[in-house]
Amino acid sequence: MPYKIIGISGSPVKNGNADKFLGSITDSASEKGLDAETINLSTIEIKNCVHCNFCLAKQKQGRYCSLKDDAQLVFEKLERADIIVLASPVYFMRTSGMMATLMDRLRVFIFGNIAGGNLRNKIGITAGVSWLRHGGMETTHLSHLYAFYTLDMIPATVHSCISPMGASAVSSRHGEARFDPSIRIGIKQDRAGIESARARLSRALELTALINGGRP
């Protein structure tokens, strides 16, 4: 059975830079034989966590949270994944609001009486797209990394490409923040950014093989 990778886009822009950057990871994963799937948070409903503590003791199969929205579908997909990618545009030096809302809801996997610990030892990739080369990229990665750490996941880190924290791309030419109306998907011109995504996937596959006893 092939490894499964789930990519989650926290961008409100359909087929924008963040979606395309995430696609570069999931497409490469598919080419390598992985079962790849993408979830776009802009197309589903994820409500804010209300910290009601339902998930501590009242979880049932098919219902990890008291809130009624699309989160349960996401929870179950994440449980089946070997590799999870959180991809977001940089908003105000951090991850997007939609992504932050989802991460808050992942509390069901920390304390849950049924789902608690179910993301432990899964491999996490953080991916970010910024307008500026240094405009909040690493603080966006930190948002995702803190979620991975809290969930006892294992981040895929690579020292030698742009940022050791995560896959990093810019949507303006060279990350100089100069607007060019002829360029809609600027990450396609960011060769170093695309390479950082490929390197992160390779590292994630290496870690997944180690977790699974070295099976190919």
N, C-alpha and C. Protein backbone atom coordinates (compact mmCIF):
# COMPACT_ATOMS: atom_id res chain seq x y z
N MET A 1 0.84 -1.19 0.00
CA MET A 1 0.00 0.00 0.00
C MET A 1 0.88 1.25 0.00
N PRO A 2 0.64 2.21 -0.90
CA PRO A 2 1.48 3.41 -0.97
C PRO A 2 1.25 4.31 0.23
N TYR A 3 2.28 5.09 0.55
CA TYR A 3 2.11 6.11 1.58
C TYR A 3 1.06 7.11 1.12
N LYS A 4 0.38 7.70 2.11
CA LYS A 4 -0.64 8.69 1.79
C LYS A 4 -0.18 10.06 2.28
N ILE A 5 -0.33 11.07 1.43
CA ILE A 5 0.01 12.44 1.78
C ILE A 5 -1.24 13.31 1.63
N ILE A 6 -1.53 14.09 2.66
CA ILE A 6 -2.64 15.03 2.65
C ILE A 6 -2.08 16.44 2.68
N GLY A 7 -2.42 17.24 1.69
CA GLY A 7 -2.02 18.63 1.66
C GLY A 7 -3.21 19.52 1.99
N ILE A 8 -3.03 20.45 2.91
CA ILE A 8 -4.10 21.36 3.30
C ILE A 8 -3.70 22.78 2.93
N SER A 9 -4.54 23.42 2.12
CA SER A 9 -4.28 24.81 1.72
C SER A 9 -5.11 25.75 2.59
N GLY A 10 -4.43 26.71 3.18
CA GLY A 10 -5.09 27.73 4.00
C GLY A 10 -5.29 29.03 3.26
N SER A 11 -5.31 28.97 1.93
CA SER A 11 -5.48 30.19 1.13
C SER A 11 -6.93 30.38 0.70
N PRO A 12 -7.43 31.62 0.74
CA PRO A 12 -8.78 31.90 0.23
C PRO A 12 -8.80 32.08 -1.28
N VAL A 13 -7.64 32.10 -1.91
CA VAL A 13 -7.53 32.35 -3.35
C VAL A 13 -7.46 31.02 -4.09
N LYS A 14 -8.49 30.69 -4.84
CA LYS A 14 -8.52 29.44 -5.57
C LYS A 14 -7.48 29.44 -6.68
N ASN A 15 -6.67 28.40 -6.73
CA ASN A 15 -5.62 28.25 -7.73
C ASN A 15 -4.62 29.40 -7.72
N GLY A 16 -4.45 30.01 -6.55
CA GLY A 16 -3.46 31.06 -6.39
C GLY A 16 -2.08 30.49 -6.09
N ASN A 17 -1.19 31.34 -5.63
CA ASN A 17 0.20 30.93 -5.41
C ASN A 17 0.34 29.84 -4.35
N ALA A 18 -0.39 29.96 -3.25
CA ALA A 18 -0.28 28.95 -2.20
C ALA A 18 -0.80 27.60 -2.68
N ASP A 19 -1.94 27.62 -3.40
CA ASP A 19 -2.49 26.37 -3.94
C ASP A 19 -1.51 25.73 -4.92
N LYS A 20 -0.92 26.54 -5.78
CA LYS A 20 0.01 26.01 -6.77
C LYS A 20 1.28 25.48 -6.11
N PHE A 21 1.72 26.16 -5.07
CA PHE A 21 2.93 25.70 -4.36
C PHE A 21 2.65 24.36 -3.68
N LEU A 22 1.50 24.27 -3.04
CA LEU A 22 1.10 22.99 -2.45
C LEU A 22 0.99 21.92 -3.53
N GLY A 23 0.44 22.30 -4.68
CA GLY A 23 0.32 21.36 -5.78
C GLY A 23 1.65 20.83 -6.27
N SER A 24 2.69 21.66 -6.18
CA SER A 24 4.02 21.19 -6.59
C SER A 24 4.50 20.06 -5.69
N ILE A 25 4.06 20.08 -4.44
CA ILE A 25 4.43 19.01 -3.50
C ILE A 25 3.59 17.77 -3.74
N THR A 26 2.27 17.94 -3.82
CA THR A 26 1.41 16.77 -3.99
C THR A 26 1.58 16.13 -5.36
N ASP A 27 1.84 16.95 -6.39
CA ASP A 27 2.09 16.38 -7.72
C ASP A 27 3.37 15.54 -7.72
N SER A 28 4.41 16.06 -7.06
CA SER A 28 5.66 15.30 -6.98
C SER A 28 5.45 14.02 -6.20
N ALA A 29 4.61 14.10 -5.16
CA ALA A 29 4.30 12.91 -4.37
C ALA A 29 3.60 11.86 -5.22
N SER A 30 2.65 12.30 -6.04
CA SER A 30 1.93 11.37 -6.93
C SER A 30 2.89 10.72 -7.91
N GLU A 31 3.83 11.51 -8.45
CA GLU A 31 4.81 10.98 -9.38
C GLU A 31 5.70 9.92 -8.73
N LYS A 32 5.88 10.05 -7.41
CA LYS A 32 6.70 9.09 -6.68
C LYS A 32 5.88 7.89 -6.20
N GLY A 33 4.60 7.84 -6.58
CA GLY A 33 3.78 6.70 -6.23
C GLY A 33 2.95 6.83 -4.98
N LEU A 34 2.94 8.01 -4.36
CA LEU A 34 2.15 8.21 -3.17
C LEU A 34 0.69 8.46 -3.52
N ASP A 35 -0.18 8.16 -2.60
CA ASP A 35 -1.59 8.49 -2.70
C ASP A 35 -1.74 9.92 -2.18
N ALA A 36 -1.95 10.88 -3.07
CA ALA A 36 -1.96 12.30 -2.70
C ALA A 36 -3.36 12.90 -2.78
N GLU A 37 -3.68 13.73 -1.80
CA GLU A 37 -4.98 14.40 -1.76
C GLU A 37 -4.81 15.80 -1.20
N THR A 38 -5.61 16.74 -1.71
CA THR A 38 -5.56 18.12 -1.26
C THR A 38 -6.89 18.55 -0.67
N ILE A 39 -6.83 19.28 0.43
CA ILE A 39 -8.01 19.87 1.04
C ILE A 39 -7.86 21.38 0.99
N ASN A 40 -8.82 22.07 0.42
CA ASN A 40 -8.81 23.53 0.37
C ASN A 40 -9.77 24.06 1.43
N LEU A 41 -9.24 24.70 2.44
CA LEU A 41 -10.08 25.18 3.54
C LEU A 41 -11.10 26.21 3.09
N SER A 42 -10.83 26.88 1.97
CA SER A 42 -11.77 27.90 1.48
C SER A 42 -13.06 27.29 0.94
N THR A 43 -13.06 25.98 0.70
CA THR A 43 -14.24 25.34 0.11
C THR A 43 -15.07 24.56 1.13
N ILE A 44 -14.63 24.54 2.39
CA ILE A 44 -15.36 23.81 3.43
C ILE A 44 -15.59 24.73 4.62
N GLU A 45 -16.39 24.27 5.56
CA GLU A 45 -16.69 25.06 6.76
C GLU A 45 -15.97 24.48 7.96
N ILE A 46 -15.11 25.27 8.55
CA ILE A 46 -14.43 24.90 9.78
C ILE A 46 -14.69 26.01 10.79
N LYS A 47 -15.43 25.72 11.83
CA LYS A 47 -15.77 26.72 12.84
C LYS A 47 -14.64 26.87 13.86
N ASN A 48 -14.69 27.98 14.59
CA ASN A 48 -13.69 28.22 15.63
C ASN A 48 -13.89 27.29 16.81
N CYS A 49 -12.79 26.77 17.36
CA CYS A 49 -12.85 25.99 18.58
C CYS A 49 -13.43 26.85 19.71
N VAL A 50 -14.37 26.31 20.46
CA VAL A 50 -14.97 27.05 21.58
C VAL A 50 -14.48 26.53 22.92
N HIS A 51 -13.51 25.62 22.88
CA HIS A 51 -12.86 25.11 24.10
C HIS A 51 -13.89 24.57 25.10
N CYS A 52 -14.84 23.81 24.58
CA CYS A 52 -15.91 23.27 25.42
C CYS A 52 -15.49 22.00 26.15
N ASN A 53 -14.35 21.43 25.73
CA ASN A 53 -13.80 20.20 26.31
C ASN A 53 -14.62 18.94 26.02
N PHE A 54 -15.51 19.02 25.05
CA PHE A 54 -16.23 17.83 24.59
C PHE A 54 -15.25 16.73 24.21
N CYS A 55 -14.17 17.11 23.55
CA CYS A 55 -13.24 16.12 23.00
C CYS A 55 -12.47 15.36 24.07
N LEU A 56 -12.47 15.84 25.30
CA LEU A 56 -11.70 15.16 26.35
C LEU A 56 -12.32 13.83 26.75
N ALA A 57 -13.65 13.76 26.77
CA ALA A 57 -14.28 12.55 27.31
C ALA A 57 -15.50 12.07 26.53
N LYS A 58 -15.99 12.84 25.57
CA LYS A 58 -17.25 12.51 24.93
C LYS A 58 -17.11 12.11 23.47
N GLN A 59 -15.89 11.95 22.99
CA GLN A 59 -15.71 11.56 21.60
C GLN A 59 -16.34 10.20 21.32
N LYS A 60 -16.92 10.07 20.13
CA LYS A 60 -17.43 8.80 19.63
C LYS A 60 -16.87 8.60 18.23
N GLN A 61 -16.88 7.38 17.74
CA GLN A 61 -16.45 7.15 16.37
C GLN A 61 -17.32 7.98 15.43
N GLY A 62 -16.66 8.76 14.57
CA GLY A 62 -17.38 9.62 13.65
C GLY A 62 -17.75 10.97 14.22
N ARG A 63 -17.40 11.21 15.49
CA ARG A 63 -17.67 12.52 16.09
C ARG A 63 -16.64 12.80 17.17
N TYR A 64 -15.62 13.56 16.79
CA TYR A 64 -14.54 13.89 17.72
C TYR A 64 -14.76 15.23 18.42
N CYS A 65 -15.68 16.03 17.91
CA CYS A 65 -15.87 17.40 18.38
C CYS A 65 -17.37 17.69 18.47
N SER A 66 -17.74 18.59 19.36
CA SER A 66 -19.16 18.93 19.52
C SER A 66 -19.68 19.78 18.37
N LEU A 67 -18.80 20.51 17.69
CA LEU A 67 -19.23 21.42 16.63
C LEU A 67 -19.63 20.64 15.38
N LYS A 68 -20.67 21.11 14.73
CA LYS A 68 -21.17 20.44 13.52
C LYS A 68 -20.75 21.25 12.29
N ASP A 69 -19.75 20.75 11.61
CA ASP A 69 -19.24 21.38 10.39
C ASP A 69 -18.49 20.31 9.61
N ASP A 70 -17.52 20.72 8.80
CA ASP A 70 -16.79 19.76 7.96
C ASP A 70 -15.50 19.24 8.60
N ALA A 71 -15.27 19.60 9.85
CA ALA A 71 -13.99 19.24 10.47
C ALA A 71 -13.81 17.73 10.63
N GLN A 72 -14.87 17.00 10.92
CA GLN A 72 -14.74 15.56 11.12
C GLN A 72 -14.18 14.88 9.89
N LEU A 73 -14.61 15.33 8.71
CA LEU A 73 -14.08 14.78 7.47
C LEU A 73 -12.57 14.99 7.39
N VAL A 74 -12.13 16.19 7.78
CA VAL A 74 -10.70 16.49 7.77
C VAL A 74 -9.98 15.62 8.79
N PHE A 75 -10.54 15.50 9.99
CA PHE A 75 -9.91 14.69 11.03
C PHE A 75 -9.65 13.27 10.53
N GLU A 76 -10.64 12.68 9.90
CA GLU A 76 -10.52 11.28 9.47
C GLU A 76 -9.51 11.13 8.33
N LYS A 77 -9.42 12.13 7.47
CA LYS A 77 -8.42 12.09 6.41
C LYS A 77 -7.01 12.18 7.00
N LEU A 78 -6.84 13.04 7.99
CA LEU A 78 -5.53 13.20 8.62
C LEU A 78 -5.11 11.93 9.34
N GLU A 79 -6.05 11.23 9.94
CA GLU A 79 -5.72 9.98 10.62
C GLU A 79 -5.17 8.94 9.66
N ARG A 80 -5.63 8.98 8.41
CA ARG A 80 -5.19 7.98 7.43
C ARG A 80 -3.90 8.38 6.72
N ALA A 81 -3.45 9.59 6.94
CA ALA A 81 -2.26 10.11 6.24
C ALA A 81 -0.97 9.67 6.92
N ASP A 82 0.06 9.50 6.10
CA ASP A 82 1.42 9.31 6.62
C ASP A 82 2.15 10.64 6.70
N ILE A 83 1.88 11.51 5.72
CA ILE A 83 2.52 12.82 5.63
C ILE A 83 1.43 13.87 5.53
N ILE A 84 1.56 14.94 6.32
CA ILE A 84 0.59 16.03 6.32
C ILE A 84 1.31 17.33 5.97
N VAL A 85 0.81 18.04 4.97
CA VAL A 85 1.39 19.32 4.55
C VAL A 85 0.43 20.45 4.92
N LEU A 86 0.92 21.41 5.67
CA LEU A 86 0.16 22.63 5.95
C LEU A 86 0.75 23.75 5.11
N ALA A 87 -0.03 24.26 4.16
CA ALA A 87 0.46 25.28 3.23
C ALA A 87 -0.38 26.54 3.37
N SER A 88 0.29 27.68 3.53
CA SER A 88 -0.45 28.92 3.74
C SER A 88 0.27 30.10 3.09
N PRO A 89 -0.50 31.08 2.63
CA PRO A 89 0.11 32.37 2.31
C PRO A 89 0.49 33.06 3.61
N VAL A 90 1.42 33.98 3.54
CA VAL A 90 1.81 34.74 4.73
C VAL A 90 0.84 35.90 4.91
N TYR A 91 0.16 35.92 6.05
CA TYR A 91 -0.77 37.01 6.39
C TYR A 91 -0.29 37.67 7.67
N PHE A 92 0.06 38.95 7.59
CA PHE A 92 0.48 39.70 8.77
C PHE A 92 1.56 38.94 9.55
N MET A 93 2.56 38.46 8.82
CA MET A 93 3.73 37.80 9.41
C MET A 93 3.39 36.47 10.07
N ARG A 94 2.30 35.82 9.64
CA ARG A 94 1.92 34.55 10.24
C ARG A 94 1.07 33.76 9.25
N THR A 95 0.64 32.56 9.66
CA THR A 95 -0.23 31.75 8.83
C THR A 95 -1.59 32.41 8.69
N SER A 96 -2.38 31.93 7.73
CA SER A 96 -3.69 32.53 7.48
C SER A 96 -4.67 32.22 8.61
N GLY A 97 -5.73 33.02 8.71
CA GLY A 97 -6.73 32.80 9.73
C GLY A 97 -7.42 31.46 9.59
N MET A 98 -7.69 31.05 8.35
CA MET A 98 -8.34 29.75 8.13
C MET A 98 -7.47 28.61 8.63
N MET A 99 -6.18 28.70 8.37
CA MET A 99 -5.28 27.65 8.83
C MET A 99 -5.20 27.64 10.35
N ALA A 100 -5.14 28.83 10.96
CA ALA A 100 -5.09 28.92 12.42
C ALA A 100 -6.33 28.30 13.04
N THR A 101 -7.49 28.53 12.42
CA THR A 101 -8.73 27.96 12.93
C THR A 101 -8.69 26.44 12.89
N LEU A 102 -8.20 25.88 11.78
CA LEU A 102 -8.09 24.42 11.70
C LEU A 102 -7.12 23.90 12.75
N MET A 103 -5.99 24.55 12.91
CA MET A 103 -5.00 24.06 13.87
C MET A 103 -5.58 24.04 15.28
N ASP A 104 -6.37 25.05 15.63
CA ASP A 104 -7.02 25.05 16.95
C ASP A 104 -7.92 23.83 17.12
N ARG A 105 -8.60 23.45 16.05
CA ARG A 105 -9.51 22.31 16.11
C ARG A 105 -8.78 20.97 16.22
N LEU A 106 -7.50 20.94 15.88
CA LEU A 106 -6.74 19.70 15.98
C LEU A 106 -6.48 19.30 17.44
N ARG A 107 -6.98 20.10 18.35
CA ARG A 107 -6.94 19.77 19.76
C ARG A 107 -7.57 18.40 20.03
N VAL A 108 -8.48 17.97 19.16
CA VAL A 108 -9.13 16.66 19.34
C VAL A 108 -8.12 15.52 19.33
N PHE A 109 -6.94 15.76 18.72
CA PHE A 109 -5.93 14.72 18.64
C PHE A 109 -4.92 14.79 19.80
N ILE A 110 -5.10 15.74 20.68
CA ILE A 110 -4.19 15.86 21.81
C ILE A 110 -4.80 15.19 23.04
N PHE A 111 -6.01 15.61 23.40
CA PHE A 111 -6.64 15.12 24.62
C PHE A 111 -7.79 14.15 24.38
N GLY A 112 -8.16 13.91 23.14
CA GLY A 112 -9.36 13.14 22.85
C GLY A 112 -9.38 11.75 23.45
N ASN A 113 -10.50 11.35 24.00
CA ASN A 113 -10.62 10.02 24.61
C ASN A 113 -10.57 8.91 23.57
N ILE A 114 -10.84 9.21 22.30
CA ILE A 114 -10.71 8.24 21.21
C ILE A 114 -9.56 8.60 20.28
N ALA A 115 -9.50 9.86 19.87
CA ALA A 115 -8.54 10.29 18.84
C ALA A 115 -7.22 10.79 19.41
N GLY A 116 -7.13 10.93 20.72
CA GLY A 116 -5.90 11.45 21.31
C GLY A 116 -4.68 10.64 20.90
N GLY A 117 -3.67 11.31 20.39
CA GLY A 117 -2.43 10.65 19.98
C GLY A 117 -2.45 10.06 18.59
N ASN A 118 -3.55 10.22 17.87
CA ASN A 118 -3.66 9.57 16.55
C ASN A 118 -2.81 10.22 15.46
N LEU A 119 -2.25 11.41 15.71
CA LEU A 119 -1.33 12.01 14.74
C LEU A 119 0.13 11.87 15.18
N ARG A 120 0.34 11.20 16.29
CA ARG A 120 1.69 11.00 16.80
C ARG A 120 2.55 10.27 15.77
N ASN A 121 3.76 10.81 15.55
CA ASN A 121 4.77 10.24 14.65
C ASN A 121 4.42 10.34 13.17
N LYS A 122 3.35 11.04 12.83
CA LYS A 122 3.14 11.35 11.41
C LYS A 122 4.12 12.45 11.02
N ILE A 123 4.47 12.49 9.75
CA ILE A 123 5.46 13.46 9.28
C ILE A 123 4.76 14.73 8.81
N GLY A 124 5.25 15.87 9.26
CA GLY A 124 4.66 17.16 8.90
C GLY A 124 5.57 17.98 8.02
N ILE A 125 5.00 18.56 6.98
CA ILE A 125 5.71 19.52 6.12
C ILE A 125 5.00 20.85 6.24
N THR A 126 5.73 21.90 6.52
CA THR A 126 5.17 23.24 6.49
C THR A 126 5.61 23.94 5.20
N ALA A 127 4.64 24.59 4.55
CA ALA A 127 4.91 25.31 3.30
C ALA A 127 4.31 26.70 3.39
N GLY A 128 5.05 27.68 2.92
CA GLY A 128 4.57 29.06 2.97
C GLY A 128 4.90 29.82 1.71
N VAL A 129 4.03 30.76 1.37
CA VAL A 129 4.26 31.65 0.22
C VAL A 129 4.14 33.08 0.71
N SER A 130 5.17 33.87 0.48
CA SER A 130 5.13 35.28 0.89
C SER A 130 5.37 36.19 -0.31
N TRP A 131 4.97 37.42 -0.16
CA TRP A 131 5.18 38.45 -1.18
C TRP A 131 6.63 38.93 -1.14
N LEU A 132 7.17 39.02 0.08
CA LEU A 132 8.56 39.40 0.29
C LEU A 132 9.39 38.17 0.62
N ARG A 133 10.65 38.16 0.22
CA ARG A 133 11.51 37.02 0.51
C ARG A 133 11.61 36.78 2.02
N HIS A 134 11.66 37.84 2.80
CA HIS A 134 11.78 37.68 4.25
C HIS A 134 10.58 38.28 4.97
N GLY A 135 9.43 38.32 4.32
CA GLY A 135 8.25 38.96 4.89
C GLY A 135 7.36 38.02 5.66
N GLY A 136 7.83 37.47 6.76
CA GLY A 136 7.01 36.65 7.62
C GLY A 136 7.06 35.16 7.31
N MET A 137 7.98 34.75 6.47
CA MET A 137 8.04 33.35 6.08
C MET A 137 8.29 32.43 7.27
N GLU A 138 9.32 32.75 8.04
CA GLU A 138 9.67 31.82 9.12
C GLU A 138 8.69 31.87 10.28
N THR A 139 8.04 33.00 10.50
CA THR A 139 7.02 33.03 11.55
C THR A 139 5.77 32.26 11.11
N THR A 140 5.52 32.22 9.80
CA THR A 140 4.45 31.36 9.29
C THR A 140 4.80 29.90 9.49
N HIS A 141 6.03 29.53 9.17
CA HIS A 141 6.46 28.16 9.42
C HIS A 141 6.35 27.80 10.90
N LEU A 142 6.72 28.75 11.76
CA LEU A 142 6.64 28.47 13.20
C LEU A 142 5.21 28.17 13.63
N SER A 143 4.24 28.87 13.04
CA SER A 143 2.84 28.59 13.36
C SER A 143 2.52 27.12 13.11
N HIS A 144 2.98 26.61 11.97
CA HIS A 144 2.71 25.21 11.61
C HIS A 144 3.56 24.25 12.45
N LEU A 145 4.81 24.62 12.67
CA LEU A 145 5.69 23.75 13.44
C LEU A 145 5.22 23.59 14.88
N TYR A 146 4.71 24.67 15.47
CA TYR A 146 4.19 24.56 16.83
C TYR A 146 3.04 23.56 16.88
N ALA A 147 2.22 23.55 15.83
CA ALA A 147 1.12 22.57 15.77
C ALA A 147 1.69 21.15 15.68
N PHE A 148 2.69 20.95 14.82
CA PHE A 148 3.30 19.62 14.70
C PHE A 148 3.88 19.16 16.05
N TYR A 149 4.60 20.06 16.71
CA TYR A 149 5.22 19.69 17.99
C TYR A 149 4.15 19.32 19.02
N THR A 150 3.08 20.12 19.07
CA THR A 150 2.03 19.88 20.05
C THR A 150 1.33 18.55 19.82
N LEU A 151 1.26 18.14 18.54
CA LEU A 151 0.60 16.90 18.17
C LEU A 151 1.54 15.69 18.19
N ASP A 152 2.78 15.90 18.64
CA ASP A 152 3.80 14.84 18.66
C ASP A 152 4.11 14.31 17.27
N MET A 153 3.99 15.19 16.26
CA MET A 153 4.38 14.83 14.90
C MET A 153 5.88 15.10 14.72
N ILE A 154 6.39 14.68 13.58
CA ILE A 154 7.81 14.85 13.27
C ILE A 154 7.96 15.76 12.06
N PRO A 155 8.48 16.98 12.23
CA PRO A 155 8.64 17.89 11.10
C PRO A 155 9.75 17.43 10.16
N ALA A 156 9.50 17.59 8.86
CA ALA A 156 10.52 17.31 7.85
C ALA A 156 11.36 18.56 7.65
N THR A 157 12.58 18.54 8.14
CA THR A 157 13.46 19.70 8.06
C THR A 157 14.62 19.43 7.11
N VAL A 158 14.99 20.46 6.37
CA VAL A 158 16.13 20.39 5.46
C VAL A 158 16.92 21.68 5.62
N HIS A 159 18.19 21.55 5.96
CA HIS A 159 18.98 22.74 6.27
C HIS A 159 19.38 23.54 5.04
N SER A 160 19.57 22.88 3.91
CA SER A 160 20.30 23.49 2.80
C SER A 160 19.44 24.20 1.76
N CYS A 161 18.17 24.50 2.04
CA CYS A 161 17.39 25.18 1.02
C CYS A 161 16.50 26.29 1.61
N ILE A 162 16.92 27.51 1.45
CA ILE A 162 16.22 28.74 1.86
C ILE A 162 16.00 28.81 3.37
N SER A 163 15.13 27.95 3.90
CA SER A 163 14.87 27.94 5.33
C SER A 163 14.86 26.50 5.82
N PRO A 164 15.55 26.20 6.93
CA PRO A 164 15.50 24.85 7.47
C PRO A 164 14.13 24.51 8.04
N MET A 165 13.27 25.51 8.19
CA MET A 165 11.97 25.29 8.81
C MET A 165 10.95 24.67 7.87
N GLY A 166 10.94 25.11 6.61
CA GLY A 166 9.91 24.60 5.72
C GLY A 166 10.10 25.03 4.28
N ALA A 167 9.24 24.48 3.42
CA ALA A 167 9.24 24.85 2.00
C ALA A 167 8.82 26.31 1.87
N SER A 168 9.60 27.10 1.15
CA SER A 168 9.41 28.55 1.15
C SER A 168 9.50 29.11 -0.26
N ALA A 169 8.44 29.82 -0.68
CA ALA A 169 8.43 30.41 -2.02
C ALA A 169 7.90 31.84 -1.94
N VAL A 170 8.26 32.63 -2.95
CA VAL A 170 7.79 34.01 -3.02
C VAL A 170 6.93 34.20 -4.27
N SER A 171 5.96 35.08 -4.17
CA SER A 171 5.03 35.29 -5.28
C SER A 171 5.37 36.52 -6.11
N SER A 172 6.32 37.34 -5.65
CA SER A 172 6.80 38.45 -6.47
C SER A 172 8.16 38.09 -7.04
N ARG A 173 8.52 38.71 -8.15
CA ARG A 173 9.80 38.39 -8.80
C ARG A 173 10.96 38.62 -7.84
N HIS A 174 11.73 37.55 -7.59
CA HIS A 174 12.88 37.58 -6.70
C HIS A 174 12.51 37.97 -5.26
N GLY A 175 11.24 37.98 -4.94
CA GLY A 175 10.82 38.37 -3.59
C GLY A 175 11.01 39.84 -3.31
N GLU A 176 11.05 40.66 -4.36
CA GLU A 176 11.32 42.09 -4.20
C GLU A 176 10.06 42.92 -3.98
N ALA A 177 8.88 42.27 -3.99
CA ALA A 177 7.59 42.94 -3.72
C ALA A 177 7.27 44.03 -4.73
N ARG A 178 7.67 43.82 -5.96
CA ARG A 178 7.32 44.76 -7.04
C ARG A 178 6.20 44.15 -7.87
N PHE A 179 5.10 44.86 -7.97
CA PHE A 179 3.92 44.33 -8.64
C PHE A 179 4.09 44.34 -10.15
N ASP A 180 3.83 43.19 -10.77
CA ASP A 180 3.86 43.05 -12.22
C ASP A 180 2.54 42.41 -12.63
N PRO A 181 1.63 43.17 -13.24
CA PRO A 181 0.30 42.64 -13.59
C PRO A 181 0.33 41.47 -14.56
N SER A 182 1.46 41.27 -15.23
CA SER A 182 1.56 40.15 -16.18
C SER A 182 1.86 38.82 -15.47
N ILE A 183 2.19 38.89 -14.19
CA ILE A 183 2.54 37.69 -13.44
C ILE A 183 1.47 37.42 -12.39
N ARG A 184 0.74 36.31 -12.56
CA ARG A 184 -0.27 35.95 -11.56
C ARG A 184 0.26 34.89 -10.60
N ILE A 185 0.94 33.90 -11.12
CA ILE A 185 1.47 32.83 -10.28
C ILE A 185 2.99 32.97 -10.23
N GLY A 186 3.45 33.85 -9.37
CA GLY A 186 4.87 34.17 -9.30
C GLY A 186 5.74 33.05 -8.79
N ILE A 187 5.17 32.13 -8.04
CA ILE A 187 6.00 31.05 -7.48
C ILE A 187 6.59 30.18 -8.58
N LYS A 188 5.97 30.18 -9.77
CA LYS A 188 6.50 29.38 -10.87
C LYS A 188 7.88 29.85 -11.29
N GLN A 189 8.19 31.13 -11.03
CA GLN A 189 9.49 31.67 -11.38
C GLN A 189 10.51 31.56 -10.24
N ASP A 190 10.06 31.07 -9.12
CA ASP A 190 10.94 30.94 -7.95
C ASP A 190 11.53 29.53 -7.92
N ARG A 191 12.59 29.33 -8.67
CA ARG A 191 13.18 28.00 -8.78
C ARG A 191 13.69 27.49 -7.44
N ALA A 192 14.27 28.38 -6.66
CA ALA A 192 14.78 27.97 -5.35
C ALA A 192 13.63 27.56 -4.44
N GLY A 193 12.51 28.27 -4.56
CA GLY A 193 11.35 27.92 -3.75
C GLY A 193 10.79 26.57 -4.11
N ILE A 194 10.65 26.30 -5.40
CA ILE A 194 10.16 25.00 -5.85
C ILE A 194 11.10 23.89 -5.42
N GLU A 195 12.40 24.15 -5.49
CA GLU A 195 13.38 23.15 -5.06
C GLU A 195 13.26 22.89 -3.55
N SER A 196 12.95 23.93 -2.79
CA SER A 196 12.79 23.73 -1.34
C SER A 196 11.61 22.82 -1.05
N ALA A 197 10.57 22.88 -1.88
CA ALA A 197 9.42 21.99 -1.72
C ALA A 197 9.80 20.54 -2.04
N ARG A 198 10.55 20.36 -3.11
CA ARG A 198 10.97 19.01 -3.50
C ARG A 198 11.88 18.40 -2.43
N ALA A 199 12.77 19.21 -1.90
CA ALA A 199 13.68 18.71 -0.87
C ALA A 199 12.92 18.32 0.38
N ARG A 200 11.89 19.10 0.72
CA ARG A 200 11.10 18.80 1.91
C ARG A 200 10.34 17.48 1.74
N LEU A 201 9.82 17.25 0.53
CA LEU A 201 9.11 16.00 0.28
C LEU A 201 10.06 14.81 0.37
N SER A 202 11.25 14.95 -0.19
CA SER A 202 12.23 13.86 -0.12
C SER A 202 12.57 13.52 1.33
N ARG A 203 12.74 14.55 2.13
CA ARG A 203 13.05 14.34 3.55
C ARG A 203 11.87 13.68 4.26
N ALA A 204 10.64 14.10 3.92
CA ALA A 204 9.45 13.51 4.53
C ALA A 204 9.35 12.02 4.19
N LEU A 205 9.68 11.67 2.95
CA LEU A 205 9.65 10.26 2.55
C LEU A 205 10.71 9.45 3.29
N GLU A 206 11.87 10.04 3.48
CA GLU A 206 12.93 9.37 4.24
C GLU A 206 12.46 9.08 5.67
N LEU A 207 11.86 10.08 6.31
CA LEU A 207 11.39 9.92 7.68
C LEU A 207 10.23 8.92 7.76
N THR A 208 9.34 8.96 6.77
CA THR A 208 8.22 8.02 6.76
C THR A 208 8.71 6.59 6.65
N ALA A 209 9.72 6.37 5.82
CA ALA A 209 10.28 5.02 5.68
C ALA A 209 10.90 4.56 7.00
N LEU A 210 11.59 5.47 7.70
CA LEU A 210 12.21 5.10 8.97
C LEU A 210 11.14 4.75 10.01
N ILE A 211 10.07 5.54 10.05
CA ILE A 211 8.97 5.29 11.00
C ILE A 211 8.31 3.95 10.72
N ASN A 212 8.25 3.58 9.44
CA ASN A 212 7.59 2.35 9.05
C ASN A 212 8.56 1.18 8.88
N GLY A 213 9.67 1.25 9.55
CA GLY A 213 10.60 0.13 9.55
C GLY A 213 11.42 0.00 8.28
N GLY A 214 11.52 1.12 7.52
CA GLY A 214 12.36 1.11 6.34
C GLY A 214 11.73 0.52 5.12
N ARG A 215 10.41 0.27 5.15
CA ARG A 215 9.80 -0.29 3.95
C ARG A 215 9.78 0.74 2.83
N PRO A 216 9.94 0.32 1.56
CA PRO A 216 10.00 1.26 0.43
C PRO A 216 8.66 1.93 0.18
